[in-house]
Amino acid sequence: MVVIGYGVVKNSVVTGAISSVKAEDFENLSISQAQQALQGKTSGVQVISNSGSPGAPMKIRIRGFSSNNNSEPIYIVDGAKAGSIRDLDPNDIESMEVLKDAASTAIYGAEGGNGVV
């Protein structure tokens, strides 16, 4: 089952570009930020560190860089828009879905133009 903008659907009927990462995929990894759970687990998603310092903030890019000033995706937590993924404890995450294409993100309007997590 995959959570999308208007409900939950089976993987077999999803028509858009959606990736799902379950807690089992990253529970044995040593991660301190929720963004790190997506690193290397989903195609078309880049997790970028702005500096080499440990604990430095990371950015997520879906489908590469855009011309928008803020090219981060929007984050939806339990159906509500969240300000940032940085405030989430990776241990509290059951699963993450990454909506990558226009058809999947259309329900979020212009805000979803850079993808939805």
N, C-alpha and C. Protein backbone atom coordinates (compact mmCIF):
# COMPACT_ATOMS: atom_id res chain seq x y z
N MET A 1 0.83 -1.18 0.00
CA MET A 1 0.00 0.00 0.00
C MET A 1 0.89 1.25 0.00
N VAL A 2 0.46 2.23 -0.77
CA VAL A 2 1.20 3.48 -0.90
C VAL A 2 0.28 4.63 -0.58
N VAL A 3 0.75 5.56 0.24
CA VAL A 3 -0.03 6.75 0.59
C VAL A 3 0.22 7.79 -0.49
N ILE A 4 -0.88 8.29 -1.09
CA ILE A 4 -0.78 9.36 -2.07
C ILE A 4 -1.67 10.50 -1.61
N GLY A 5 -1.74 11.57 -2.36
CA GLY A 5 -2.43 12.78 -1.93
C GLY A 5 -3.89 12.61 -1.56
N TYR A 6 -4.57 11.66 -2.12
CA TYR A 6 -6.00 11.52 -1.88
C TYR A 6 -6.38 10.17 -1.31
N GLY A 7 -5.44 9.45 -0.73
CA GLY A 7 -5.78 8.18 -0.11
C GLY A 7 -4.64 7.19 -0.13
N VAL A 8 -5.00 5.94 0.07
CA VAL A 8 -4.04 4.84 0.08
C VAL A 8 -4.42 3.88 -1.03
N VAL A 9 -3.46 3.50 -1.86
CA VAL A 9 -3.74 2.59 -2.97
C VAL A 9 -2.72 1.45 -2.98
N LYS A 10 -3.08 0.39 -3.67
CA LYS A 10 -2.17 -0.74 -3.82
C LYS A 10 -1.05 -0.38 -4.79
N ASN A 11 0.12 -0.95 -4.56
CA ASN A 11 1.25 -0.72 -5.46
C ASN A 11 0.92 -1.10 -6.90
N SER A 12 0.10 -2.12 -7.07
CA SER A 12 -0.19 -2.62 -8.41
C SER A 12 -1.05 -1.68 -9.24
N VAL A 13 -1.76 -0.74 -8.61
CA VAL A 13 -2.62 0.17 -9.37
C VAL A 13 -2.06 1.59 -9.46
N VAL A 14 -0.90 1.83 -8.89
CA VAL A 14 -0.29 3.15 -8.96
C VAL A 14 0.20 3.40 -10.38
N THR A 15 -0.17 4.56 -10.94
CA THR A 15 0.24 4.88 -12.30
C THR A 15 1.36 5.91 -12.35
N GLY A 16 1.64 6.58 -11.26
CA GLY A 16 2.66 7.61 -11.25
C GLY A 16 4.01 7.10 -10.79
N ALA A 17 4.98 8.02 -10.78
CA ALA A 17 6.34 7.69 -10.33
C ALA A 17 6.40 7.89 -8.82
N ILE A 18 6.27 6.79 -8.09
CA ILE A 18 6.25 6.83 -6.64
C ILE A 18 7.22 5.79 -6.10
N SER A 19 8.01 6.19 -5.13
CA SER A 19 8.91 5.26 -4.44
C SER A 19 8.51 5.20 -2.98
N SER A 20 8.65 4.04 -2.40
CA SER A 20 8.29 3.85 -1.00
C SER A 20 9.48 3.27 -0.25
N VAL A 21 9.75 3.83 0.92
CA VAL A 21 10.82 3.35 1.78
C VAL A 21 10.19 3.01 3.13
N LYS A 22 10.33 1.78 3.54
CA LYS A 22 9.77 1.31 4.81
C LYS A 22 10.82 1.41 5.91
N ALA A 23 10.37 1.41 7.15
CA ALA A 23 11.28 1.50 8.29
C ALA A 23 12.28 0.35 8.31
N GLU A 24 11.86 -0.83 7.84
CA GLU A 24 12.77 -1.98 7.81
C GLU A 24 13.98 -1.73 6.92
N ASP A 25 13.82 -0.84 5.92
CA ASP A 25 14.91 -0.56 4.99
C ASP A 25 16.05 0.24 5.62
N PHE A 26 15.74 0.97 6.70
CA PHE A 26 16.79 1.80 7.30
C PHE A 26 16.94 1.62 8.81
N GLU A 27 16.23 0.68 9.40
CA GLU A 27 16.30 0.54 10.85
C GLU A 27 17.66 0.05 11.34
N ASN A 28 18.42 -0.65 10.52
CA ASN A 28 19.74 -1.14 10.93
C ASN A 28 20.87 -0.19 10.52
N LEU A 29 20.52 0.93 9.93
CA LEU A 29 21.53 1.91 9.53
C LEU A 29 21.73 2.93 10.64
N SER A 30 22.89 3.50 10.71
CA SER A 30 23.18 4.54 11.69
C SER A 30 22.88 5.89 11.05
N ILE A 31 21.66 6.36 11.23
CA ILE A 31 21.27 7.65 10.65
C ILE A 31 20.77 8.57 11.77
N SER A 32 21.04 9.85 11.61
CA SER A 32 20.60 10.82 12.61
C SER A 32 19.55 11.77 12.06
N GLN A 33 19.37 11.77 10.74
CA GLN A 33 18.39 12.65 10.10
C GLN A 33 17.48 11.82 9.20
N ALA A 34 16.23 12.21 9.14
CA ALA A 34 15.25 11.47 8.34
C ALA A 34 15.63 11.46 6.86
N GLN A 35 16.26 12.53 6.38
CA GLN A 35 16.65 12.59 4.98
C GLN A 35 17.60 11.45 4.60
N GLN A 36 18.43 11.04 5.53
CA GLN A 36 19.41 9.98 5.25
C GLN A 36 18.73 8.65 4.95
N ALA A 37 17.50 8.47 5.40
CA ALA A 37 16.78 7.23 5.14
C ALA A 37 16.46 7.08 3.65
N LEU A 38 16.40 8.19 2.92
CA LEU A 38 16.10 8.15 1.49
C LEU A 38 17.35 7.98 0.63
N GLN A 39 18.50 8.24 1.21
CA GLN A 39 19.75 8.24 0.45
C GLN A 39 20.05 6.85 -0.09
N GLY A 40 20.10 6.75 -1.42
CA GLY A 40 20.42 5.49 -2.07
C GLY A 40 19.28 4.49 -2.10
N LYS A 41 18.11 4.85 -1.61
CA LYS A 41 16.98 3.92 -1.55
C LYS A 41 15.95 4.17 -2.64
N THR A 42 15.95 5.36 -3.23
CA THR A 42 14.96 5.70 -4.24
C THR A 42 15.64 6.31 -5.45
N SER A 43 15.21 5.91 -6.63
CA SER A 43 15.79 6.46 -7.85
C SER A 43 15.27 7.88 -8.08
N GLY A 44 16.10 8.73 -8.63
CA GLY A 44 15.70 10.09 -8.94
C GLY A 44 15.70 11.02 -7.74
N VAL A 45 16.17 10.56 -6.59
CA VAL A 45 16.20 11.38 -5.38
C VAL A 45 17.65 11.56 -4.95
N GLN A 46 18.04 12.82 -4.76
CA GLN A 46 19.39 13.13 -4.30
C GLN A 46 19.30 13.72 -2.90
N VAL A 47 20.13 13.23 -2.00
CA VAL A 47 20.25 13.80 -0.66
C VAL A 47 21.62 14.45 -0.61
N ILE A 48 21.62 15.77 -0.43
CA ILE A 48 22.84 16.56 -0.57
C ILE A 48 23.16 17.25 0.75
N SER A 49 24.41 17.15 1.18
CA SER A 49 24.88 17.85 2.36
C SER A 49 25.50 19.17 1.92
N ASN A 50 25.16 20.24 2.61
CA ASN A 50 25.70 21.55 2.25
C ASN A 50 27.14 21.73 2.72
N SER A 51 27.56 20.93 3.69
CA SER A 51 28.94 21.01 4.16
C SER A 51 29.38 19.62 4.59
N GLY A 52 30.63 19.50 4.93
CA GLY A 52 31.15 18.21 5.35
C GLY A 52 31.06 17.99 6.85
N SER A 53 30.48 18.94 7.56
CA SER A 53 30.39 18.83 9.02
C SER A 53 29.37 17.79 9.43
N PRO A 54 29.69 16.97 10.43
CA PRO A 54 28.71 16.01 10.93
C PRO A 54 27.48 16.72 11.49
N GLY A 55 26.32 16.21 11.15
CA GLY A 55 25.07 16.81 11.63
C GLY A 55 24.63 18.03 10.85
N ALA A 56 25.35 18.39 9.81
CA ALA A 56 24.97 19.55 8.99
C ALA A 56 23.65 19.26 8.28
N PRO A 57 22.84 20.30 8.06
CA PRO A 57 21.56 20.09 7.38
C PRO A 57 21.75 19.51 5.98
N MET A 58 20.81 18.69 5.57
CA MET A 58 20.84 18.07 4.25
C MET A 58 19.62 18.52 3.47
N LYS A 59 19.75 18.53 2.15
CA LYS A 59 18.64 18.89 1.28
C LYS A 59 18.28 17.71 0.42
N ILE A 60 17.01 17.62 0.08
CA ILE A 60 16.52 16.57 -0.80
C ILE A 60 16.16 17.20 -2.13
N ARG A 61 16.61 16.61 -3.21
CA ARG A 61 16.26 17.04 -4.56
C ARG A 61 15.61 15.87 -5.27
N ILE A 62 14.44 16.13 -5.83
CA ILE A 62 13.73 15.12 -6.62
C ILE A 62 13.75 15.59 -8.06
N ARG A 63 14.16 14.74 -8.97
CA ARG A 63 14.25 15.07 -10.40
C ARG A 63 15.26 16.18 -10.66
N GLY A 64 16.29 16.31 -9.85
CA GLY A 64 17.33 17.29 -10.08
C GLY A 64 16.97 18.68 -9.60
N PHE A 65 17.78 19.65 -9.99
CA PHE A 65 17.58 21.03 -9.57
C PHE A 65 16.59 21.72 -10.48
N SER A 66 15.82 22.64 -9.92
CA SER A 66 14.88 23.41 -10.73
C SER A 66 15.29 24.88 -10.69
N SER A 67 14.59 25.69 -11.45
CA SER A 67 14.90 27.11 -11.48
C SER A 67 14.28 27.85 -10.31
N ASN A 68 13.43 27.19 -9.55
CA ASN A 68 12.84 27.83 -8.37
C ASN A 68 13.91 28.09 -7.33
N ASN A 69 13.73 29.17 -6.58
CA ASN A 69 14.69 29.50 -5.53
C ASN A 69 14.78 28.38 -4.51
N ASN A 70 13.64 27.89 -4.06
CA ASN A 70 13.61 26.78 -3.12
C ASN A 70 13.18 25.54 -3.88
N SER A 71 14.11 24.68 -4.19
CA SER A 71 13.75 23.51 -4.98
C SER A 71 13.61 22.26 -4.12
N GLU A 72 13.32 22.45 -2.83
CA GLU A 72 13.05 21.32 -1.95
C GLU A 72 11.61 20.86 -2.18
N PRO A 73 11.36 19.58 -1.98
CA PRO A 73 9.98 19.10 -2.07
C PRO A 73 9.17 19.57 -0.86
N ILE A 74 7.86 19.40 -0.93
CA ILE A 74 7.06 19.67 0.27
C ILE A 74 6.96 18.36 1.05
N TYR A 75 6.78 18.51 2.33
CA TYR A 75 6.73 17.35 3.22
C TYR A 75 5.34 17.25 3.84
N ILE A 76 4.74 16.08 3.70
CA ILE A 76 3.42 15.81 4.27
C ILE A 76 3.61 14.74 5.33
N VAL A 77 3.23 15.05 6.56
CA VAL A 77 3.36 14.10 7.67
C VAL A 77 1.97 13.78 8.19
N ASP A 78 1.58 12.54 8.10
CA ASP A 78 0.25 12.08 8.54
C ASP A 78 -0.87 12.92 7.95
N GLY A 79 -0.73 13.30 6.68
CA GLY A 79 -1.78 14.02 5.97
C GLY A 79 -1.73 15.53 6.08
N ALA A 80 -0.83 16.08 6.89
CA ALA A 80 -0.74 17.53 7.07
C ALA A 80 0.62 18.01 6.58
N LYS A 81 0.63 19.21 6.01
CA LYS A 81 1.89 19.78 5.51
C LYS A 81 2.80 20.09 6.69
N ALA A 82 4.04 19.65 6.58
CA ALA A 82 5.04 19.91 7.62
C ALA A 82 6.02 20.95 7.10
N GLY A 83 6.54 21.75 8.00
CA GLY A 83 7.48 22.78 7.60
C GLY A 83 8.80 22.22 7.10
N SER A 84 9.27 21.20 7.77
CA SER A 84 10.58 20.64 7.42
C SER A 84 10.66 19.19 7.86
N ILE A 85 11.46 18.44 7.17
CA ILE A 85 11.69 17.04 7.55
C ILE A 85 12.80 16.96 8.61
N ARG A 86 13.52 18.05 8.80
CA ARG A 86 14.64 18.06 9.74
C ARG A 86 14.20 17.83 11.18
N ASP A 87 12.95 18.15 11.49
CA ASP A 87 12.46 18.03 12.86
C ASP A 87 11.97 16.63 13.20
N LEU A 88 11.95 15.73 12.23
CA LEU A 88 11.45 14.38 12.47
C LEU A 88 12.55 13.46 12.98
N ASP A 89 12.21 12.66 13.95
CA ASP A 89 13.13 11.64 14.46
C ASP A 89 13.01 10.42 13.55
N PRO A 90 14.10 9.95 12.96
CA PRO A 90 14.03 8.79 12.07
C PRO A 90 13.43 7.55 12.73
N ASN A 91 13.55 7.46 14.05
CA ASN A 91 13.00 6.31 14.77
C ASN A 91 11.48 6.33 14.83
N ASP A 92 10.86 7.49 14.56
CA ASP A 92 9.41 7.62 14.60
C ASP A 92 8.76 7.37 13.24
N ILE A 93 9.55 7.12 12.21
CA ILE A 93 9.02 6.98 10.85
C ILE A 93 8.70 5.52 10.57
N GLU A 94 7.45 5.29 10.13
CA GLU A 94 7.03 3.94 9.74
C GLU A 94 7.32 3.69 8.27
N SER A 95 7.05 4.70 7.44
CA SER A 95 7.35 4.61 6.01
C SER A 95 7.38 6.01 5.42
N MET A 96 8.04 6.12 4.26
CA MET A 96 8.07 7.38 3.52
C MET A 96 7.77 7.07 2.06
N GLU A 97 6.89 7.87 1.48
CA GLU A 97 6.59 7.76 0.06
C GLU A 97 7.11 9.02 -0.62
N VAL A 98 7.73 8.85 -1.76
CA VAL A 98 8.25 9.97 -2.54
C VAL A 98 7.45 10.02 -3.83
N LEU A 99 6.69 11.11 -4.01
CA LEU A 99 5.89 11.32 -5.22
C LEU A 99 6.74 12.18 -6.15
N LYS A 100 7.07 11.64 -7.32
CA LYS A 100 8.07 12.29 -8.17
C LYS A 100 7.54 12.93 -9.44
N ASP A 101 6.41 12.49 -9.96
CA ASP A 101 5.99 13.02 -11.25
C ASP A 101 4.79 13.96 -11.10
N ALA A 102 4.49 14.67 -12.18
CA ALA A 102 3.43 15.67 -12.16
C ALA A 102 2.07 15.07 -11.85
N ALA A 103 1.79 13.89 -12.34
CA ALA A 103 0.49 13.26 -12.09
C ALA A 103 0.30 12.95 -10.61
N SER A 104 1.36 12.52 -9.95
CA SER A 104 1.28 12.17 -8.53
C SER A 104 1.20 13.39 -7.64
N THR A 105 1.83 14.48 -8.05
CA THR A 105 1.89 15.67 -7.20
C THR A 105 0.84 16.72 -7.55
N ALA A 106 0.01 16.47 -8.56
CA ALA A 106 -0.95 17.46 -9.04
C ALA A 106 -1.90 17.94 -7.95
N ILE A 107 -2.28 17.07 -7.04
CA ILE A 107 -3.22 17.45 -5.98
C ILE A 107 -2.64 18.53 -5.06
N TYR A 108 -1.32 18.67 -5.03
CA TYR A 108 -0.66 19.66 -4.18
C TYR A 108 -0.42 20.98 -4.90
N GLY A 109 -0.80 21.08 -6.16
CA GLY A 109 -0.67 22.31 -6.91
C GLY A 109 0.77 22.71 -7.16
N ALA A 110 1.02 24.02 -7.23
CA ALA A 110 2.35 24.53 -7.53
C ALA A 110 3.36 24.15 -6.46
N GLU A 111 2.90 23.99 -5.22
CA GLU A 111 3.82 23.61 -4.14
C GLU A 111 4.44 22.24 -4.38
N GLY A 112 3.72 21.37 -5.07
CA GLY A 112 4.22 20.02 -5.33
C GLY A 112 5.09 19.93 -6.56
N GLY A 113 5.42 21.06 -7.17
CA GLY A 113 6.22 21.06 -8.38
C GLY A 113 7.61 20.46 -8.23
N ASN A 114 8.14 20.48 -7.02
CA ASN A 114 9.46 19.90 -6.77
C ASN A 114 9.37 18.52 -6.13
N GLY A 115 8.19 17.95 -6.13
CA GLY A 115 7.99 16.63 -5.55
C GLY A 115 7.38 16.71 -4.16
N VAL A 116 6.98 15.56 -3.66
CA VAL A 116 6.33 15.46 -2.35
C VAL A 116 6.92 14.27 -1.61
N VAL A 117 7.25 14.46 -0.34
CA VAL A 117 7.71 13.36 0.52
C VAL A 117 6.70 13.22 1.63
